N, C-alpha and C. Protein backbone atom coordinates (compact mmCIF):
# COMPACT_ATOMS: atom_id res chain seq x y z
N MET A 1 -31.78 -30.71 -16.65
CA MET A 1 -30.59 -29.92 -16.48
C MET A 1 -29.60 -30.19 -17.59
N SER A 2 -30.02 -30.84 -18.65
CA SER A 2 -29.10 -31.04 -19.72
C SER A 2 -28.83 -29.74 -20.43
N GLY A 3 -27.67 -29.60 -20.96
CA GLY A 3 -27.26 -28.37 -21.63
C GLY A 3 -26.59 -27.41 -20.71
N LEU A 4 -26.54 -27.68 -19.40
CA LEU A 4 -25.84 -26.79 -18.49
C LEU A 4 -24.43 -27.31 -18.25
N SER A 5 -23.56 -26.41 -18.01
CA SER A 5 -22.19 -26.82 -17.72
C SER A 5 -22.15 -27.51 -16.35
N PRO A 6 -21.11 -28.31 -16.12
CA PRO A 6 -21.02 -28.99 -14.82
C PRO A 6 -20.98 -28.03 -13.64
N GLN A 7 -20.34 -26.90 -13.81
CA GLN A 7 -20.26 -25.93 -12.74
C GLN A 7 -21.63 -25.33 -12.45
N MET A 8 -22.37 -25.02 -13.52
CA MET A 8 -23.72 -24.46 -13.34
C MET A 8 -24.62 -25.50 -12.68
N ARG A 9 -24.47 -26.79 -13.04
CA ARG A 9 -25.31 -27.82 -12.41
C ARG A 9 -25.06 -27.86 -10.89
N ARG A 10 -23.78 -27.79 -10.50
CA ARG A 10 -23.45 -27.78 -9.07
C ARG A 10 -24.11 -26.59 -8.35
N LEU A 11 -24.07 -25.46 -8.98
CA LEU A 11 -24.70 -24.28 -8.35
C LEU A 11 -26.19 -24.47 -8.21
N VAL A 12 -26.83 -25.00 -9.23
CA VAL A 12 -28.28 -25.24 -9.17
C VAL A 12 -28.63 -26.25 -8.11
N ARG A 13 -27.87 -27.34 -8.04
CA ARG A 13 -28.10 -28.34 -6.99
C ARG A 13 -27.97 -27.75 -5.59
N ARG A 14 -26.96 -26.94 -5.41
CA ARG A 14 -26.75 -26.34 -4.12
C ARG A 14 -27.92 -25.47 -3.75
N GLY A 15 -28.45 -24.73 -4.73
CA GLY A 15 -29.57 -23.87 -4.48
C GLY A 15 -30.87 -24.62 -4.21
N MET A 16 -30.98 -25.88 -4.74
CA MET A 16 -32.18 -26.66 -4.59
C MET A 16 -32.12 -27.58 -3.36
N SER A 17 -31.00 -27.67 -2.67
CA SER A 17 -30.89 -28.58 -1.56
C SER A 17 -31.84 -28.17 -0.45
N PRO A 18 -32.52 -29.13 0.20
CA PRO A 18 -33.51 -28.81 1.21
C PRO A 18 -32.91 -28.20 2.47
N GLU A 19 -31.75 -28.61 2.83
CA GLU A 19 -31.14 -28.11 4.08
C GLU A 19 -29.98 -27.21 3.69
N LYS A 20 -30.11 -25.99 4.04
CA LYS A 20 -28.96 -25.11 3.84
C LYS A 20 -28.19 -25.10 5.11
N GLN A 21 -27.00 -25.52 5.07
CA GLN A 21 -26.19 -25.60 6.23
C GLN A 21 -25.52 -24.23 6.47
N ARG A 22 -26.00 -23.56 7.47
CA ARG A 22 -25.40 -22.27 7.81
C ARG A 22 -24.74 -22.46 9.15
N THR A 23 -23.53 -22.07 9.20
CA THR A 23 -22.81 -22.14 10.48
C THR A 23 -22.85 -20.75 11.10
N ALA A 24 -23.01 -20.76 12.38
CA ALA A 24 -23.04 -19.47 13.11
C ALA A 24 -21.60 -18.91 13.12
N ALA A 25 -21.54 -17.60 13.07
CA ALA A 25 -20.27 -16.93 13.15
C ALA A 25 -19.63 -17.21 14.52
N PRO A 26 -18.35 -17.52 14.55
CA PRO A 26 -17.71 -17.82 15.80
C PRO A 26 -17.70 -16.58 16.71
N GLU A 27 -17.77 -16.81 18.00
CA GLU A 27 -17.72 -15.73 18.95
C GLU A 27 -16.31 -15.14 18.92
N ARG A 28 -16.22 -13.85 18.88
CA ARG A 28 -14.90 -13.18 18.84
C ARG A 28 -14.77 -12.29 20.07
N SER A 29 -13.56 -12.21 20.53
CA SER A 29 -13.28 -11.29 21.67
C SER A 29 -13.29 -9.88 21.13
N PRO A 30 -13.49 -8.89 22.00
CA PRO A 30 -13.44 -7.49 21.55
C PRO A 30 -12.11 -7.10 20.92
N GLU A 31 -10.99 -7.68 21.40
CA GLU A 31 -9.69 -7.40 20.86
C GLU A 31 -9.59 -7.94 19.43
N GLU A 32 -10.09 -9.13 19.21
CA GLU A 32 -10.04 -9.71 17.89
C GLU A 32 -10.93 -8.93 16.91
N THR A 33 -12.08 -8.50 17.40
CA THR A 33 -12.99 -7.70 16.57
C THR A 33 -12.32 -6.37 16.16
N GLU A 34 -11.69 -5.75 17.14
CA GLU A 34 -10.99 -4.49 16.90
C GLU A 34 -9.83 -4.73 15.92
N SER A 35 -9.12 -5.84 16.08
CA SER A 35 -7.97 -6.13 15.18
C SER A 35 -8.50 -6.33 13.76
N ARG A 36 -9.59 -7.05 13.59
CA ARG A 36 -10.15 -7.25 12.24
C ARG A 36 -10.58 -5.93 11.64
N ALA A 37 -11.18 -5.05 12.45
CA ALA A 37 -11.60 -3.76 11.93
C ALA A 37 -10.40 -2.94 11.51
N ALA A 38 -9.31 -3.01 12.27
CA ALA A 38 -8.10 -2.27 11.90
C ALA A 38 -7.51 -2.80 10.61
N LYS A 39 -7.54 -4.10 10.40
CA LYS A 39 -7.03 -4.69 9.16
C LYS A 39 -7.91 -4.28 7.96
N ARG A 40 -9.23 -4.26 8.16
CA ARG A 40 -10.13 -3.81 7.09
C ARG A 40 -9.83 -2.34 6.71
N GLU A 41 -9.61 -1.51 7.76
CA GLU A 41 -9.31 -0.13 7.51
C GLU A 41 -7.95 0.02 6.79
N GLU A 42 -7.00 -0.82 7.15
CA GLU A 42 -5.69 -0.80 6.48
C GLU A 42 -5.85 -1.15 5.00
N ARG A 43 -6.61 -2.18 4.71
CA ARG A 43 -6.84 -2.56 3.31
C ARG A 43 -7.54 -1.46 2.54
N ARG A 44 -8.51 -0.79 3.20
CA ARG A 44 -9.20 0.32 2.53
C ARG A 44 -8.23 1.47 2.23
N LEU A 45 -7.34 1.76 3.19
CA LEU A 45 -6.38 2.85 2.94
C LEU A 45 -5.43 2.47 1.82
N VAL A 46 -5.03 1.24 1.75
CA VAL A 46 -4.14 0.80 0.67
C VAL A 46 -4.82 0.96 -0.66
N ARG A 47 -6.09 0.56 -0.78
CA ARG A 47 -6.85 0.72 -2.03
C ARG A 47 -6.91 2.19 -2.42
N GLU A 48 -7.23 3.05 -1.45
CA GLU A 48 -7.32 4.48 -1.72
C GLU A 48 -5.92 5.03 -2.15
N PHE A 49 -4.90 4.56 -1.48
CA PHE A 49 -3.54 5.04 -1.79
C PHE A 49 -3.18 4.77 -3.24
N TRP A 50 -3.44 3.57 -3.71
CA TRP A 50 -3.05 3.22 -5.06
C TRP A 50 -3.94 3.89 -6.12
N SER A 51 -5.11 4.34 -5.75
CA SER A 51 -5.98 4.99 -6.72
C SER A 51 -5.64 6.45 -6.91
N LYS A 52 -4.75 6.99 -6.05
CA LYS A 52 -4.41 8.39 -6.16
C LYS A 52 -3.14 8.63 -6.95
N GLN A 53 -2.95 9.81 -7.45
CA GLN A 53 -1.72 10.21 -8.09
C GLN A 53 -0.68 10.43 -7.04
N PRO A 54 0.63 10.18 -7.34
CA PRO A 54 1.70 10.34 -6.36
C PRO A 54 1.72 11.75 -5.72
N HIS A 55 1.39 12.77 -6.49
CA HIS A 55 1.44 14.11 -5.90
C HIS A 55 0.25 14.41 -5.02
N GLY A 56 -0.71 13.49 -4.91
CA GLY A 56 -1.89 13.69 -4.07
C GLY A 56 -1.81 12.89 -2.78
N LEU A 57 -0.63 12.38 -2.39
CA LEU A 57 -0.51 11.57 -1.19
C LEU A 57 -0.70 12.38 0.04
N THR A 58 -1.35 11.80 1.02
CA THR A 58 -1.48 12.44 2.33
C THR A 58 -0.94 11.52 3.37
N LEU A 59 -0.73 12.05 4.56
CA LEU A 59 -0.18 11.22 5.65
C LEU A 59 -1.15 10.10 6.01
N ASP A 60 -2.44 10.34 5.95
CA ASP A 60 -3.41 9.28 6.29
C ASP A 60 -3.32 8.14 5.30
N ASP A 61 -2.99 8.42 4.02
CA ASP A 61 -2.87 7.37 3.04
C ASP A 61 -1.67 6.48 3.33
N LEU A 62 -0.59 7.06 3.80
CA LEU A 62 0.64 6.33 3.99
C LEU A 62 0.79 5.67 5.39
N ARG A 63 -0.11 6.03 6.29
CA ARG A 63 0.09 5.58 7.69
C ARG A 63 0.15 4.08 7.86
N CYS A 64 -0.63 3.29 7.14
CA CYS A 64 -0.70 1.85 7.34
C CYS A 64 -0.02 1.04 6.25
N VAL A 65 0.58 1.68 5.30
CA VAL A 65 1.18 0.97 4.17
C VAL A 65 2.58 0.45 4.55
N ARG A 66 2.84 -0.80 4.23
CA ARG A 66 4.16 -1.41 4.52
C ARG A 66 5.13 -1.29 3.35
N VAL A 67 4.63 -1.42 2.13
CA VAL A 67 5.48 -1.39 0.92
C VAL A 67 4.87 -0.40 -0.02
N VAL A 68 5.69 0.60 -0.47
CA VAL A 68 5.27 1.52 -1.48
C VAL A 68 6.15 1.25 -2.72
N ASN A 69 5.49 0.81 -3.80
CA ASN A 69 6.20 0.52 -5.05
C ASN A 69 5.80 1.55 -6.08
N LEU A 70 6.67 2.53 -6.29
CA LEU A 70 6.45 3.55 -7.31
C LEU A 70 7.52 3.46 -8.37
N GLY A 71 8.01 2.23 -8.60
CA GLY A 71 9.01 2.02 -9.63
C GLY A 71 8.45 2.14 -11.02
N HIS A 72 9.23 2.77 -11.90
CA HIS A 72 8.85 2.98 -13.30
C HIS A 72 7.53 3.67 -13.48
N CYS A 73 7.25 4.67 -12.64
CA CYS A 73 6.01 5.43 -12.73
C CYS A 73 6.20 6.75 -13.44
N HIS A 74 7.38 7.00 -13.94
CA HIS A 74 7.72 8.26 -14.64
C HIS A 74 7.45 9.45 -13.79
N LEU A 75 7.83 9.35 -12.48
CA LEU A 75 7.63 10.47 -11.55
C LEU A 75 8.73 11.50 -11.81
N SER A 76 8.33 12.78 -11.72
CA SER A 76 9.24 13.88 -11.95
C SER A 76 9.90 14.22 -10.61
N ASN A 77 10.82 15.16 -10.66
CA ASN A 77 11.50 15.64 -9.47
C ASN A 77 10.47 16.29 -8.51
N ASP A 78 9.50 16.99 -9.05
CA ASP A 78 8.48 17.65 -8.23
C ASP A 78 7.64 16.59 -7.48
N ASP A 79 7.35 15.47 -8.16
CA ASP A 79 6.62 14.37 -7.48
C ASP A 79 7.47 13.83 -6.34
N GLY A 80 8.76 13.72 -6.54
CA GLY A 80 9.67 13.25 -5.48
C GLY A 80 9.69 14.21 -4.29
N LEU A 81 9.68 15.52 -4.56
CA LEU A 81 9.63 16.49 -3.48
C LEU A 81 8.31 16.39 -2.72
N ALA A 82 7.21 16.18 -3.43
CA ALA A 82 5.90 16.03 -2.81
C ALA A 82 5.83 14.78 -1.93
N LEU A 83 6.40 13.71 -2.43
CA LEU A 83 6.40 12.45 -1.67
C LEU A 83 7.29 12.57 -0.43
N ALA A 84 8.45 13.21 -0.60
CA ALA A 84 9.35 13.42 0.55
C ALA A 84 8.69 14.27 1.62
N SER A 85 7.85 15.21 1.21
CA SER A 85 7.20 16.06 2.20
C SER A 85 6.22 15.30 3.08
N GLN A 86 5.76 14.15 2.64
CA GLN A 86 4.78 13.36 3.38
C GLN A 86 5.45 12.35 4.33
N LEU A 87 6.75 12.18 4.27
CA LEU A 87 7.39 11.24 5.16
C LEU A 87 7.58 11.79 6.57
N THR A 88 7.15 11.05 7.58
CA THR A 88 7.23 11.51 8.96
C THR A 88 7.67 10.35 9.85
N LYS A 89 7.89 10.69 11.12
CA LYS A 89 8.23 9.67 12.12
C LYS A 89 7.06 8.70 12.37
N GLU A 90 5.85 9.16 12.11
CA GLU A 90 4.66 8.35 12.36
C GLU A 90 4.49 7.19 11.42
N LEU A 91 5.27 7.14 10.36
CA LEU A 91 5.15 6.07 9.35
C LEU A 91 5.98 4.88 9.80
N ARG A 92 5.57 4.29 10.90
CA ARG A 92 6.32 3.17 11.45
C ARG A 92 6.10 1.88 10.68
N GLN A 93 5.01 1.75 9.94
CA GLN A 93 4.71 0.52 9.21
C GLN A 93 5.50 0.42 7.91
N LEU A 94 5.98 1.55 7.38
CA LEU A 94 6.62 1.52 6.08
C LEU A 94 7.99 0.80 6.17
N LYS A 95 8.11 -0.30 5.45
CA LYS A 95 9.32 -1.12 5.47
C LYS A 95 10.10 -1.01 4.17
N GLU A 96 9.42 -0.90 3.04
CA GLU A 96 10.09 -0.85 1.75
C GLU A 96 9.58 0.34 0.91
N LEU A 97 10.52 0.99 0.24
CA LEU A 97 10.16 2.09 -0.64
C LEU A 97 10.91 1.86 -1.95
N HIS A 98 10.13 1.61 -3.02
CA HIS A 98 10.69 1.36 -4.36
C HIS A 98 10.47 2.61 -5.21
N LEU A 99 11.57 3.28 -5.56
CA LEU A 99 11.50 4.49 -6.35
C LEU A 99 12.35 4.38 -7.58
N TYR A 100 12.70 3.22 -8.00
CA TYR A 100 13.58 3.03 -9.14
C TYR A 100 12.90 3.38 -10.48
N GLY A 101 13.69 3.74 -11.46
CA GLY A 101 13.16 3.96 -12.77
C GLY A 101 12.35 5.24 -12.96
N ASN A 102 12.57 6.26 -12.17
CA ASN A 102 11.86 7.52 -12.29
C ASN A 102 12.83 8.60 -12.74
N ARG A 103 12.45 9.83 -12.57
CA ARG A 103 13.27 10.96 -13.04
C ARG A 103 13.69 11.83 -11.87
N PHE A 104 13.96 11.22 -10.73
CA PHE A 104 14.40 12.00 -9.55
C PHE A 104 15.84 12.45 -9.76
N ASN A 105 16.12 13.66 -9.31
CA ASN A 105 17.51 14.13 -9.39
C ASN A 105 17.96 14.51 -7.99
N ASP A 106 19.04 15.29 -7.91
CA ASP A 106 19.65 15.59 -6.62
C ASP A 106 18.73 16.31 -5.68
N GLY A 107 17.84 17.23 -6.21
CA GLY A 107 16.95 17.98 -5.34
C GLY A 107 15.99 17.10 -4.59
N ALA A 108 15.39 16.14 -5.28
CA ALA A 108 14.46 15.22 -4.60
C ALA A 108 15.20 14.35 -3.58
N MET A 109 16.38 13.88 -3.95
CA MET A 109 17.11 13.03 -3.03
C MET A 109 17.57 13.80 -1.77
N GLN A 110 17.89 15.10 -1.94
CA GLN A 110 18.27 15.89 -0.79
C GLN A 110 17.06 16.10 0.14
N ALA A 111 15.87 16.23 -0.46
CA ALA A 111 14.67 16.36 0.34
C ALA A 111 14.41 15.07 1.13
N PHE A 112 14.56 13.89 0.44
CA PHE A 112 14.39 12.61 1.13
C PHE A 112 15.44 12.47 2.24
N ALA A 113 16.67 12.82 1.95
CA ALA A 113 17.75 12.71 2.95
C ALA A 113 17.47 13.59 4.18
N ALA A 114 16.97 14.78 3.98
CA ALA A 114 16.65 15.67 5.10
C ALA A 114 15.55 15.04 5.95
N LYS A 115 14.57 14.45 5.33
CA LYS A 115 13.48 13.79 6.12
C LYS A 115 14.02 12.60 6.88
N TRP A 116 14.87 11.78 6.23
CA TRP A 116 15.39 10.59 6.93
C TRP A 116 16.33 11.01 8.06
N ALA A 117 17.06 12.09 7.87
CA ALA A 117 17.96 12.56 8.93
C ALA A 117 17.15 13.04 10.15
N SER A 118 15.93 13.51 9.93
CA SER A 118 15.08 13.95 11.02
C SER A 118 14.32 12.80 11.66
N GLY A 119 14.53 11.60 11.17
CA GLY A 119 13.88 10.40 11.78
C GLY A 119 12.64 9.89 11.09
N ALA A 120 12.33 10.37 9.90
CA ALA A 120 11.16 9.89 9.18
C ALA A 120 11.32 8.42 8.78
N THR A 121 10.22 7.72 8.72
CA THR A 121 10.14 6.28 8.37
C THR A 121 11.21 5.50 9.13
N PRO A 122 11.11 5.43 10.46
CA PRO A 122 12.17 4.83 11.29
C PRO A 122 12.46 3.37 11.02
N PHE A 123 11.52 2.62 10.48
CA PHE A 123 11.73 1.17 10.29
C PHE A 123 11.90 0.81 8.81
N LEU A 124 12.23 1.78 7.99
CA LEU A 124 12.47 1.47 6.57
C LEU A 124 13.71 0.62 6.45
N THR A 125 13.54 -0.54 5.79
CA THR A 125 14.66 -1.47 5.66
C THR A 125 15.17 -1.64 4.23
N ARG A 126 14.32 -1.30 3.25
CA ARG A 126 14.72 -1.43 1.85
C ARG A 126 14.36 -0.16 1.10
N LEU A 127 15.33 0.32 0.34
CA LEU A 127 15.13 1.53 -0.44
C LEU A 127 15.76 1.25 -1.84
N HIS A 128 14.95 1.32 -2.86
CA HIS A 128 15.40 1.03 -4.22
C HIS A 128 15.37 2.33 -5.02
N LEU A 129 16.55 2.83 -5.43
CA LEU A 129 16.66 4.12 -6.10
C LEU A 129 17.31 4.00 -7.49
N GLY A 130 17.55 2.83 -7.98
CA GLY A 130 18.23 2.65 -9.26
C GLY A 130 17.52 3.30 -10.43
N HIS A 131 18.27 3.60 -11.46
CA HIS A 131 17.76 4.16 -12.74
C HIS A 131 17.02 5.51 -12.49
N ASN A 132 17.61 6.37 -11.72
CA ASN A 132 17.16 7.76 -11.53
C ASN A 132 18.35 8.66 -11.95
N ALA A 133 18.12 9.92 -11.99
CA ALA A 133 19.17 10.90 -12.39
C ALA A 133 19.83 11.48 -11.15
N ILE A 134 20.26 10.65 -10.23
CA ILE A 134 20.82 11.08 -8.99
C ILE A 134 22.33 11.24 -9.18
N GLY A 135 22.84 12.40 -8.86
CA GLY A 135 24.27 12.70 -8.97
C GLY A 135 24.95 12.59 -7.62
N ASP A 136 26.16 13.08 -7.55
CA ASP A 136 26.95 13.05 -6.29
C ASP A 136 26.28 13.81 -5.18
N ALA A 137 25.69 14.97 -5.47
CA ALA A 137 25.02 15.78 -4.45
C ALA A 137 23.83 15.04 -3.85
N GLY A 138 23.11 14.30 -4.67
CA GLY A 138 21.99 13.53 -4.20
C GLY A 138 22.33 12.33 -3.37
N LEU A 139 23.50 11.74 -3.64
CA LEU A 139 23.96 10.62 -2.87
C LEU A 139 24.49 11.06 -1.52
């Protein structure tokens, strides 16, 4: 085994060991199994969410996401209108929305305000809107 790196030697030794110690998977209750499946589905939705363009968001993509960071994504006002159209009361998990550094103006902010006035994203605690083109009407 000369000429192999120490890490490679360890891997080879592990593969050559006579007894492979396999531990049985612990017994899980149905609730825990269901919880783990829900978490896997949430992670899958998050991966899908980030792979899409902002104007392609759907309610299913946003349902399990806790933090949406779209800061400095060069989003236009139309992207803001599209994102605002996806906000609903069912987005209870969404806690933070980062929209700073984009090109949103008063129209997009009025659309967001109308959605929030109707009760969309009821548990939103942080909203970052800095460095956008929001005027008095948007505020």
